[in-house]
Amino acid sequence: MTDTDGPEPDDVAAEPGPTEAPEPTGRASAIRPFLLTAGRVAGGGTAPPLPVEAQVVATSDGLSSLRTLAFERHDIVAACRRPQSVAELAAQLRLHLNVVRVLAEDLCTAGHLSVHVPDARTVQDISVLRRVIDGLRAVPDSRGTLRDSS
């Protein structure tokens, strides 16, 4: 084959072309979730995983040790300067929910995070749900009109 005939089929597969997608740059997309959690699906073992509505906030010890934390653990503690739910944290950091659950439990055990799990009776109280629904209905839409309360 001459130089004008083009590359061999094997050469095309070996070299990335200009139309191929670039390598992922984010840690979350390049590393499998089970590697981040060492294969664990719950941090404590026998305890159930953190509820998605559990509020997490960085402790003063956690904030002072940010320099020593690596990768996702650092990102979680840094993002928890204000309280937020486990679900919000996972969405904000673009990490799998179960990864955030496991790492948050680990960080809590190490004293870097404080976790506040809502009272189960409050979560199951229908009056709380009714107040949330009523509150959402009271929020005006983009035109400034209230939603139908029926």
N, C-alpha and C. Protein backbone atom coordinates (compact mmCIF):
# COMPACT_ATOMS: atom_id res chain seq x y z
N MET A 1 0.83 -1.17 0.00
CA MET A 1 0.00 0.00 0.00
C MET A 1 0.88 1.24 0.00
N THR A 2 0.46 2.27 -0.68
CA THR A 2 1.23 3.50 -0.73
C THR A 2 0.68 4.50 0.27
N ASP A 3 1.41 5.62 0.44
CA ASP A 3 0.99 6.64 1.38
C ASP A 3 -0.32 7.30 1.00
N THR A 4 -0.69 7.29 -0.26
CA THR A 4 -1.90 7.95 -0.70
C THR A 4 -3.14 7.08 -0.55
N ASP A 5 -2.95 5.79 -0.28
CA ASP A 5 -4.09 4.89 -0.15
C ASP A 5 -4.83 5.06 1.18
N GLY A 6 -4.23 5.67 2.18
CA GLY A 6 -4.88 5.85 3.48
C GLY A 6 -4.33 4.86 4.49
N PRO A 7 -4.77 4.95 5.71
CA PRO A 7 -4.24 4.09 6.76
C PRO A 7 -4.79 2.68 6.68
N GLU A 8 -4.03 1.77 7.21
CA GLU A 8 -4.48 0.39 7.32
C GLU A 8 -5.64 0.32 8.31
N PRO A 9 -6.54 -0.66 8.22
CA PRO A 9 -7.65 -0.77 9.17
C PRO A 9 -7.18 -0.88 10.62
N ASP A 10 -6.08 -1.56 10.87
CA ASP A 10 -5.57 -1.68 12.24
C ASP A 10 -5.09 -0.33 12.76
N ASP A 11 -4.52 0.49 11.88
CA ASP A 11 -4.03 1.80 12.28
C ASP A 11 -5.18 2.72 12.69
N VAL A 12 -6.31 2.60 12.04
CA VAL A 12 -7.47 3.44 12.35
C VAL A 12 -7.97 3.15 13.75
N ALA A 13 -8.01 1.88 14.13
CA ALA A 13 -8.50 1.51 15.45
C ALA A 13 -7.53 1.90 16.55
N ALA A 14 -6.24 1.92 16.24
CA ALA A 14 -5.24 2.19 17.26
C ALA A 14 -5.13 3.67 17.59
N GLU A 15 -5.39 4.56 16.62
CA GLU A 15 -5.24 5.99 16.86
C GLU A 15 -6.61 6.65 16.92
N PRO A 16 -6.86 7.43 17.97
CA PRO A 16 -8.15 8.10 18.05
C PRO A 16 -8.29 9.17 16.98
N GLY A 17 -9.45 9.22 16.37
CA GLY A 17 -9.72 10.19 15.33
C GLY A 17 -10.29 11.47 15.92
N PRO A 18 -10.43 12.49 15.08
CA PRO A 18 -10.92 13.77 15.58
C PRO A 18 -12.39 13.73 16.00
N THR A 19 -13.16 12.73 15.53
CA THR A 19 -14.58 12.67 15.87
C THR A 19 -14.86 11.83 17.09
N GLU A 20 -13.87 11.15 17.65
CA GLU A 20 -14.09 10.32 18.82
C GLU A 20 -14.23 11.17 20.07
N ALA A 21 -15.00 10.69 21.02
CA ALA A 21 -15.22 11.42 22.27
C ALA A 21 -13.94 11.44 23.09
N PRO A 22 -13.67 12.54 23.79
CA PRO A 22 -12.48 12.60 24.63
C PRO A 22 -12.64 11.73 25.86
N GLU A 23 -11.53 11.42 26.47
CA GLU A 23 -11.56 10.64 27.70
C GLU A 23 -12.30 11.42 28.78
N PRO A 24 -13.05 10.72 29.67
CA PRO A 24 -13.74 11.43 30.74
C PRO A 24 -12.75 12.12 31.66
N THR A 25 -13.09 13.35 32.08
CA THR A 25 -12.18 14.11 32.93
C THR A 25 -12.58 14.04 34.39
N GLY A 26 -13.84 13.78 34.71
CA GLY A 26 -14.30 13.74 36.09
C GLY A 26 -13.95 12.44 36.77
N ARG A 27 -13.68 12.51 38.07
CA ARG A 27 -13.35 11.30 38.81
C ARG A 27 -14.52 10.34 38.84
N ALA A 28 -15.73 10.87 39.01
CA ALA A 28 -16.89 10.01 39.18
C ALA A 28 -17.16 9.17 37.93
N SER A 29 -16.93 9.73 36.76
CA SER A 29 -17.22 9.00 35.54
C SER A 29 -16.13 7.98 35.21
N ALA A 30 -14.94 8.16 35.73
CA ALA A 30 -13.83 7.29 35.39
C ALA A 30 -13.64 6.14 36.38
N ILE A 31 -14.21 6.26 37.56
CA ILE A 31 -14.00 5.24 38.59
C ILE A 31 -15.32 4.58 38.93
N ARG A 32 -15.33 3.29 38.97
CA ARG A 32 -16.54 2.54 39.30
C ARG A 32 -16.92 2.78 40.76
N PRO A 33 -18.23 2.87 41.05
CA PRO A 33 -18.67 3.13 42.43
C PRO A 33 -18.14 2.12 43.44
N PHE A 34 -18.05 0.84 43.08
CA PHE A 34 -17.59 -0.14 44.06
C PHE A 34 -16.12 0.04 44.42
N LEU A 35 -15.35 0.72 43.57
CA LEU A 35 -13.96 1.02 43.92
C LEU A 35 -13.88 2.14 44.96
N LEU A 36 -14.80 3.11 44.85
CA LEU A 36 -14.82 4.22 45.80
C LEU A 36 -15.22 3.76 47.20
N THR A 37 -16.04 2.72 47.27
CA THR A 37 -16.55 2.25 48.56
C THR A 37 -15.93 0.93 49.00
N ALA A 38 -14.92 0.48 48.30
CA ALA A 38 -14.26 -0.81 48.59
C ALA A 38 -15.28 -1.95 48.57
N GLY A 39 -16.26 -1.85 47.70
CA GLY A 39 -17.26 -2.90 47.53
C GLY A 39 -18.39 -2.86 48.54
N ARG A 40 -18.35 -1.91 49.48
CA ARG A 40 -19.41 -1.85 50.50
C ARG A 40 -20.64 -1.15 49.94
N VAL A 41 -21.81 -1.60 50.40
CA VAL A 41 -23.05 -0.94 50.01
C VAL A 41 -23.65 -0.19 51.18
N ALA A 42 -23.14 -0.39 52.37
CA ALA A 42 -23.54 0.37 53.56
C ALA A 42 -22.30 0.55 54.41
N GLY A 43 -22.12 1.73 54.96
CA GLY A 43 -20.89 2.04 55.68
C GLY A 43 -20.69 1.27 56.97
N GLY A 44 -21.75 1.09 57.78
CA GLY A 44 -21.59 0.49 59.08
C GLY A 44 -21.70 -1.02 59.12
N GLY A 45 -22.13 -1.64 58.05
CA GLY A 45 -22.26 -3.09 58.04
C GLY A 45 -23.65 -3.54 58.44
N THR A 46 -23.95 -3.57 59.75
CA THR A 46 -25.25 -4.06 60.20
C THR A 46 -26.32 -2.99 60.19
N ALA A 47 -25.95 -1.72 60.27
CA ALA A 47 -26.93 -0.64 60.28
C ALA A 47 -27.48 -0.42 58.87
N PRO A 48 -28.74 0.02 58.78
CA PRO A 48 -29.28 0.32 57.45
C PRO A 48 -28.58 1.54 56.85
N PRO A 49 -28.58 1.68 55.53
CA PRO A 49 -27.93 2.84 54.91
C PRO A 49 -28.61 4.13 55.32
N LEU A 50 -27.89 5.22 55.21
CA LEU A 50 -28.45 6.53 55.53
C LEU A 50 -29.66 6.80 54.66
N PRO A 51 -30.73 7.32 55.23
CA PRO A 51 -31.87 7.70 54.40
C PRO A 51 -31.49 8.86 53.48
N VAL A 52 -32.14 8.95 52.34
CA VAL A 52 -31.82 10.01 51.38
C VAL A 52 -32.14 11.39 51.95
N GLU A 53 -33.05 11.45 52.91
CA GLU A 53 -33.42 12.74 53.49
C GLU A 53 -32.56 13.13 54.68
N ALA A 54 -31.62 12.27 55.10
CA ALA A 54 -30.74 12.58 56.22
C ALA A 54 -29.91 13.83 55.89
N GLN A 55 -29.80 14.72 56.86
CA GLN A 55 -29.05 15.96 56.68
C GLN A 55 -27.60 15.75 57.13
N VAL A 56 -26.66 16.17 56.31
CA VAL A 56 -25.24 16.06 56.65
C VAL A 56 -24.62 17.45 56.65
N VAL A 57 -23.73 17.67 57.60
CA VAL A 57 -23.03 18.95 57.71
C VAL A 57 -21.62 18.68 58.20
N ALA A 58 -20.67 19.45 57.68
CA ALA A 58 -19.26 19.28 58.08
C ALA A 58 -19.06 19.75 59.51
N THR A 59 -18.23 19.04 60.23
CA THR A 59 -17.86 19.46 61.58
C THR A 59 -16.65 20.39 61.49
N SER A 60 -16.32 21.03 62.60
CA SER A 60 -15.13 21.89 62.59
C SER A 60 -13.87 21.06 62.37
N ASP A 61 -13.85 19.84 62.91
CA ASP A 61 -12.71 18.95 62.66
C ASP A 61 -12.61 18.57 61.18
N GLY A 62 -13.76 18.34 60.56
CA GLY A 62 -13.77 18.00 59.15
C GLY A 62 -13.26 19.13 58.29
N LEU A 63 -13.70 20.35 58.59
CA LEU A 63 -13.26 21.51 57.80
C LEU A 63 -11.77 21.79 58.00
N SER A 64 -11.28 21.57 59.23
CA SER A 64 -9.87 21.83 59.48
C SER A 64 -8.97 20.76 58.86
N SER A 65 -9.52 19.60 58.57
CA SER A 65 -8.70 18.53 57.98
C SER A 65 -8.96 18.35 56.49
N LEU A 66 -9.55 19.34 55.84
CA LEU A 66 -9.82 19.23 54.40
C LEU A 66 -8.56 18.93 53.59
N ARG A 67 -7.43 19.53 54.00
CA ARG A 67 -6.18 19.31 53.25
C ARG A 67 -5.73 17.86 53.26
N THR A 68 -6.12 17.11 54.29
CA THR A 68 -5.67 15.72 54.39
C THR A 68 -6.61 14.75 53.70
N LEU A 69 -7.80 15.19 53.36
CA LEU A 69 -8.77 14.31 52.71
C LEU A 69 -8.53 14.28 51.21
N ALA A 70 -8.77 13.13 50.61
CA ALA A 70 -8.52 12.97 49.18
C ALA A 70 -9.82 12.83 48.40
N PHE A 71 -9.81 13.35 47.22
CA PHE A 71 -10.83 13.17 46.19
C PHE A 71 -12.26 13.33 46.69
N GLU A 72 -13.08 12.29 46.59
CA GLU A 72 -14.50 12.39 46.91
C GLU A 72 -14.75 12.74 48.37
N ARG A 73 -13.92 12.23 49.27
CA ARG A 73 -14.10 12.57 50.68
C ARG A 73 -13.90 14.07 50.90
N HIS A 74 -12.90 14.63 50.27
CA HIS A 74 -12.67 16.08 50.33
C HIS A 74 -13.87 16.83 49.76
N ASP A 75 -14.36 16.40 48.60
CA ASP A 75 -15.47 17.07 47.95
C ASP A 75 -16.73 17.03 48.81
N ILE A 76 -16.97 15.91 49.47
CA ILE A 76 -18.16 15.78 50.31
C ILE A 76 -18.08 16.73 51.50
N VAL A 77 -16.96 16.73 52.21
CA VAL A 77 -16.82 17.60 53.38
C VAL A 77 -16.87 19.07 52.95
N ALA A 78 -16.22 19.41 51.87
CA ALA A 78 -16.23 20.80 51.40
C ALA A 78 -17.64 21.24 51.01
N ALA A 79 -18.41 20.35 50.42
CA ALA A 79 -19.77 20.69 50.01
C ALA A 79 -20.72 20.78 51.20
N CYS A 80 -20.35 20.21 52.32
CA CYS A 80 -21.23 20.18 53.50
C CYS A 80 -20.95 21.32 54.46
N ARG A 81 -20.47 22.43 53.97
CA ARG A 81 -20.30 23.61 54.83
C ARG A 81 -21.66 24.08 55.32
N ARG A 82 -22.70 23.80 54.55
CA ARG A 82 -24.06 24.07 54.99
C ARG A 82 -24.81 22.73 54.99
N PRO A 83 -25.77 22.55 55.88
CA PRO A 83 -26.50 21.28 55.92
C PRO A 83 -27.25 21.02 54.62
N GLN A 84 -27.23 19.78 54.20
CA GLN A 84 -27.99 19.37 53.03
C GLN A 84 -28.27 17.88 53.11
N SER A 85 -29.25 17.43 52.36
CA SER A 85 -29.61 16.02 52.41
C SER A 85 -28.60 15.19 51.63
N VAL A 86 -28.59 13.91 51.92
CA VAL A 86 -27.71 12.98 51.21
C VAL A 86 -28.04 13.00 49.72
N ALA A 87 -29.33 13.08 49.39
CA ALA A 87 -29.75 13.12 47.98
C ALA A 87 -29.23 14.38 47.29
N GLU A 88 -29.35 15.54 47.95
CA GLU A 88 -28.85 16.79 47.38
C GLU A 88 -27.35 16.72 47.15
N LEU A 89 -26.64 16.15 48.11
CA LEU A 89 -25.19 16.04 48.02
C LEU A 89 -24.78 15.17 46.84
N ALA A 90 -25.46 14.03 46.68
CA ALA A 90 -25.15 13.14 45.56
C ALA A 90 -25.39 13.83 44.23
N ALA A 91 -26.49 14.57 44.13
CA ALA A 91 -26.79 15.27 42.88
C ALA A 91 -25.79 16.39 42.62
N GLN A 92 -25.44 17.14 43.65
CA GLN A 92 -24.51 18.25 43.49
C GLN A 92 -23.13 17.77 43.05
N LEU A 93 -22.67 16.66 43.63
CA LEU A 93 -21.33 16.15 43.31
C LEU A 93 -21.32 15.17 42.14
N ARG A 94 -22.51 14.86 41.64
CA ARG A 94 -22.64 13.90 40.53
C ARG A 94 -22.02 12.56 40.88
N LEU A 95 -22.32 12.11 42.09
CA LEU A 95 -21.87 10.80 42.55
C LEU A 95 -23.08 9.91 42.76
N HIS A 96 -22.88 8.62 42.66
CA HIS A 96 -23.95 7.66 42.91
C HIS A 96 -24.43 7.82 44.35
N LEU A 97 -25.73 7.73 44.56
CA LEU A 97 -26.32 7.92 45.88
C LEU A 97 -25.71 6.98 46.91
N ASN A 98 -25.53 5.71 46.57
CA ASN A 98 -24.98 4.76 47.54
C ASN A 98 -23.51 5.04 47.85
N VAL A 99 -22.78 5.60 46.91
CA VAL A 99 -21.39 6.01 47.18
C VAL A 99 -21.39 7.11 48.23
N VAL A 100 -22.27 8.09 48.06
CA VAL A 100 -22.34 9.19 49.03
C VAL A 100 -22.78 8.66 50.40
N ARG A 101 -23.71 7.73 50.42
CA ARG A 101 -24.15 7.15 51.69
C ARG A 101 -22.98 6.50 52.44
N VAL A 102 -22.23 5.67 51.75
CA VAL A 102 -21.12 4.95 52.38
C VAL A 102 -20.03 5.92 52.83
N LEU A 103 -19.64 6.83 51.95
CA LEU A 103 -18.57 7.76 52.30
C LEU A 103 -19.00 8.71 53.41
N ALA A 104 -20.26 9.14 53.41
CA ALA A 104 -20.76 10.00 54.48
C ALA A 104 -20.73 9.27 55.82
N GLU A 105 -21.08 8.00 55.83
CA GLU A 105 -21.01 7.22 57.07
C GLU A 105 -19.57 7.10 57.54
N ASP A 106 -18.65 6.87 56.61
CA ASP A 106 -17.23 6.80 56.97
C ASP A 106 -16.74 8.13 57.54
N LEU A 107 -17.13 9.22 56.89
CA LEU A 107 -16.71 10.55 57.34
C LEU A 107 -17.33 10.90 58.69
N CYS A 108 -18.52 10.42 58.93
CA CYS A 108 -19.17 10.64 60.23
C CYS A 108 -18.42 9.87 61.32
N THR A 109 -18.05 8.63 61.03
CA THR A 109 -17.29 7.82 61.98
C THR A 109 -15.94 8.46 62.30
N ALA A 110 -15.33 9.08 61.30
CA ALA A 110 -14.04 9.75 61.49
C ALA A 110 -14.17 11.12 62.16
N GLY A 111 -15.41 11.58 62.34
CA GLY A 111 -15.63 12.87 62.99
C GLY A 111 -15.61 14.06 62.06
N HIS A 112 -15.61 13.82 60.74
CA HIS A 112 -15.56 14.91 59.77
C HIS A 112 -16.94 15.44 59.39
N LEU A 113 -17.97 14.62 59.58
CA LEU A 113 -19.34 15.01 59.26
C LEU A 113 -20.24 14.72 60.45
N SER A 114 -21.30 15.48 60.53
CA SER A 114 -22.36 15.21 61.49
C SER A 114 -23.60 14.87 60.67
N VAL A 115 -24.26 13.77 61.02
CA VAL A 115 -25.44 13.31 60.28
C VAL A 115 -26.65 13.41 61.19
N HIS A 116 -27.69 14.02 60.67
CA HIS A 116 -28.94 14.17 61.42
C HIS A 116 -30.04 13.45 60.66
N VAL A 117 -30.48 12.31 61.20
CA VAL A 117 -31.53 11.52 60.58
C VAL A 117 -32.86 11.97 61.17
N PRO A 118 -33.84 12.28 60.32
CA PRO A 118 -35.13 12.72 60.85
C PRO A 118 -35.82 11.62 61.65
N ASP A 119 -36.64 12.05 62.60
CA ASP A 119 -37.41 11.13 63.42
C ASP A 119 -38.36 10.34 62.52
N ALA A 120 -38.36 9.02 62.65
CA ALA A 120 -39.20 8.16 61.81
C ALA A 120 -40.67 8.49 61.96
N ARG A 121 -41.08 8.88 63.17
CA ARG A 121 -42.50 9.22 63.37
C ARG A 121 -42.88 10.44 62.56
N THR A 122 -41.98 11.41 62.45
CA THR A 122 -42.25 12.62 61.67
C THR A 122 -42.34 12.29 60.19
N VAL A 123 -41.46 11.42 59.71
CA VAL A 123 -41.44 11.05 58.31
C VAL A 123 -42.74 10.35 57.93
N GLN A 124 -43.29 9.56 58.83
CA GLN A 124 -44.51 8.81 58.53
C GLN A 124 -45.78 9.57 58.89
N ASP A 125 -45.66 10.77 59.44
CA ASP A 125 -46.81 11.56 59.84
C ASP A 125 -47.45 12.20 58.62
N ILE A 126 -48.70 11.84 58.34
CA ILE A 126 -49.40 12.33 57.16
C ILE A 126 -49.63 13.85 57.23
N SER A 127 -49.71 14.40 58.44
CA SER A 127 -49.92 15.84 58.54
C SER A 127 -48.70 16.61 58.03
N VAL A 128 -47.51 16.05 58.19
CA VAL A 128 -46.31 16.69 57.66
C VAL A 128 -46.38 16.72 56.13
N LEU A 129 -46.76 15.61 55.54
CA LEU A 129 -46.89 15.53 54.10
C LEU A 129 -47.95 16.53 53.61
N ARG A 130 -49.06 16.63 54.32
CA ARG A 130 -50.12 17.58 53.95
C ARG A 130 -49.60 19.01 53.99
N ARG A 131 -48.82 19.35 55.02
CA ARG A 131 -48.27 20.71 55.12
C ARG A 131 -47.27 20.99 54.00
N VAL A 132 -46.50 20.00 53.61
CA VAL A 132 -45.57 20.17 52.49
C VAL A 132 -46.34 20.42 51.20
N ILE A 133 -47.37 19.63 50.96
CA ILE A 133 -48.19 19.80 49.75
C ILE A 133 -48.83 21.18 49.75
N ASP A 134 -49.42 21.59 50.88
CA ASP A 134 -50.04 22.91 50.96
C ASP A 134 -49.02 24.02 50.74
N GLY A 135 -47.82 23.84 51.28
CA GLY A 135 -46.76 24.83 51.08
C GLY A 135 -46.35 24.93 49.62
N LEU A 136 -46.27 23.80 48.93
CA LEU A 136 -45.91 23.82 47.51
C LEU A 136 -47.00 24.47 46.68
N ARG A 137 -48.25 24.23 47.04
CA ARG A 137 -49.36 24.86 46.32
C ARG A 137 -49.37 26.37 46.53
N ALA A 138 -48.84 26.84 47.65
CA ALA A 138 -48.82 28.27 47.95
C ALA A 138 -47.72 29.01 47.21
N VAL A 139 -46.82 28.29 46.56
CA VAL A 139 -45.74 28.92 45.80
C VAL A 139 -46.28 29.30 44.42
N PRO A 140 -46.21 30.57 44.04
CA PRO A 140 -46.72 30.97 42.73
C PRO A 140 -45.87 30.41 41.60
N ASP A 141 -46.52 30.21 40.45
CA ASP A 141 -45.77 29.74 39.29
C ASP A 141 -45.05 30.92 38.63
N SER A 142 -44.46 30.70 37.47
CA SER A 142 -43.65 31.74 36.81
C SER A 142 -44.47 32.96 36.39
N ARG A 143 -45.79 32.82 36.28
CA ARG A 143 -46.66 33.94 35.91
C ARG A 143 -47.17 34.66 37.15
N GLY A 144 -46.84 34.15 38.34
CA GLY A 144 -47.28 34.79 39.57
C GLY A 144 -48.63 34.32 40.06
N THR A 145 -49.19 33.30 39.44
CA THR A 145 -50.50 32.79 39.89
C THR A 145 -50.29 31.57 40.76
N LEU A 146 -51.20 31.40 41.72
CA LEU A 146 -51.13 30.25 42.61
C LEU A 146 -51.68 29.01 41.91
N ARG A 147 -51.15 27.87 42.29
CA ARG A 147 -51.60 26.60 41.72
C ARG A 147 -52.99 26.28 42.26
N ASP A 148 -53.71 25.46 41.55
CA ASP A 148 -55.04 25.03 41.98
C ASP A 148 -54.93 24.27 43.29
N SER A 149 -55.72 24.60 44.25
CA SER A 149 -55.63 23.95 45.57
C SER A 149 -56.55 22.75 45.68
N SER A 150 -57.16 22.32 44.59
CA SER A 150 -58.07 21.17 44.67
C SER A 150 -57.36 19.86 44.61
